[in-house]
């Protein structure tokens, strides 16, 4: 499911996720060739209601996603008290080859301060599940959405 459909299905959770990811580092988990997990820092961004990440062409995470598109991405809390809350999304990544789509996405990334280059590989991240945890009076408040809901 696209980020756009996720926004429509769960607008508050999608808005929280977008706020946690925009202009921040997130951690992308992929699956190595041997089946082991791998975690990488990335700079996700949303353009035209689509969630993207870009990376160097030879990046291990790109190789992982080309072989097996399953991913999970986590945006952490800001401090030990859970400041800002956390957001996690999982789904499947699809490489974007279309020059026009890449150009629009990279222009959007540049508009928020990122510096993608034409050589970078671009992936669209479809959303199958999203989770958020915030803290109220020191207690966790969890929200979850799944595409099969």
Foldseek 3Di string as FASTA:
>chain_A
DFLQVVCVVPVVLSVLVQVLQQPDWKWKWFAAPVRDIDIDIWRWHAFPSWIKTKDAPPDRRVVRQVVPFWMKIKRAADDPLQHSWIKMFIDGKDWDDDPVVVVRVQVRCVVSPDDDDPNIIMITGHTAKMKIWGADPSDTDIDIDGPVD
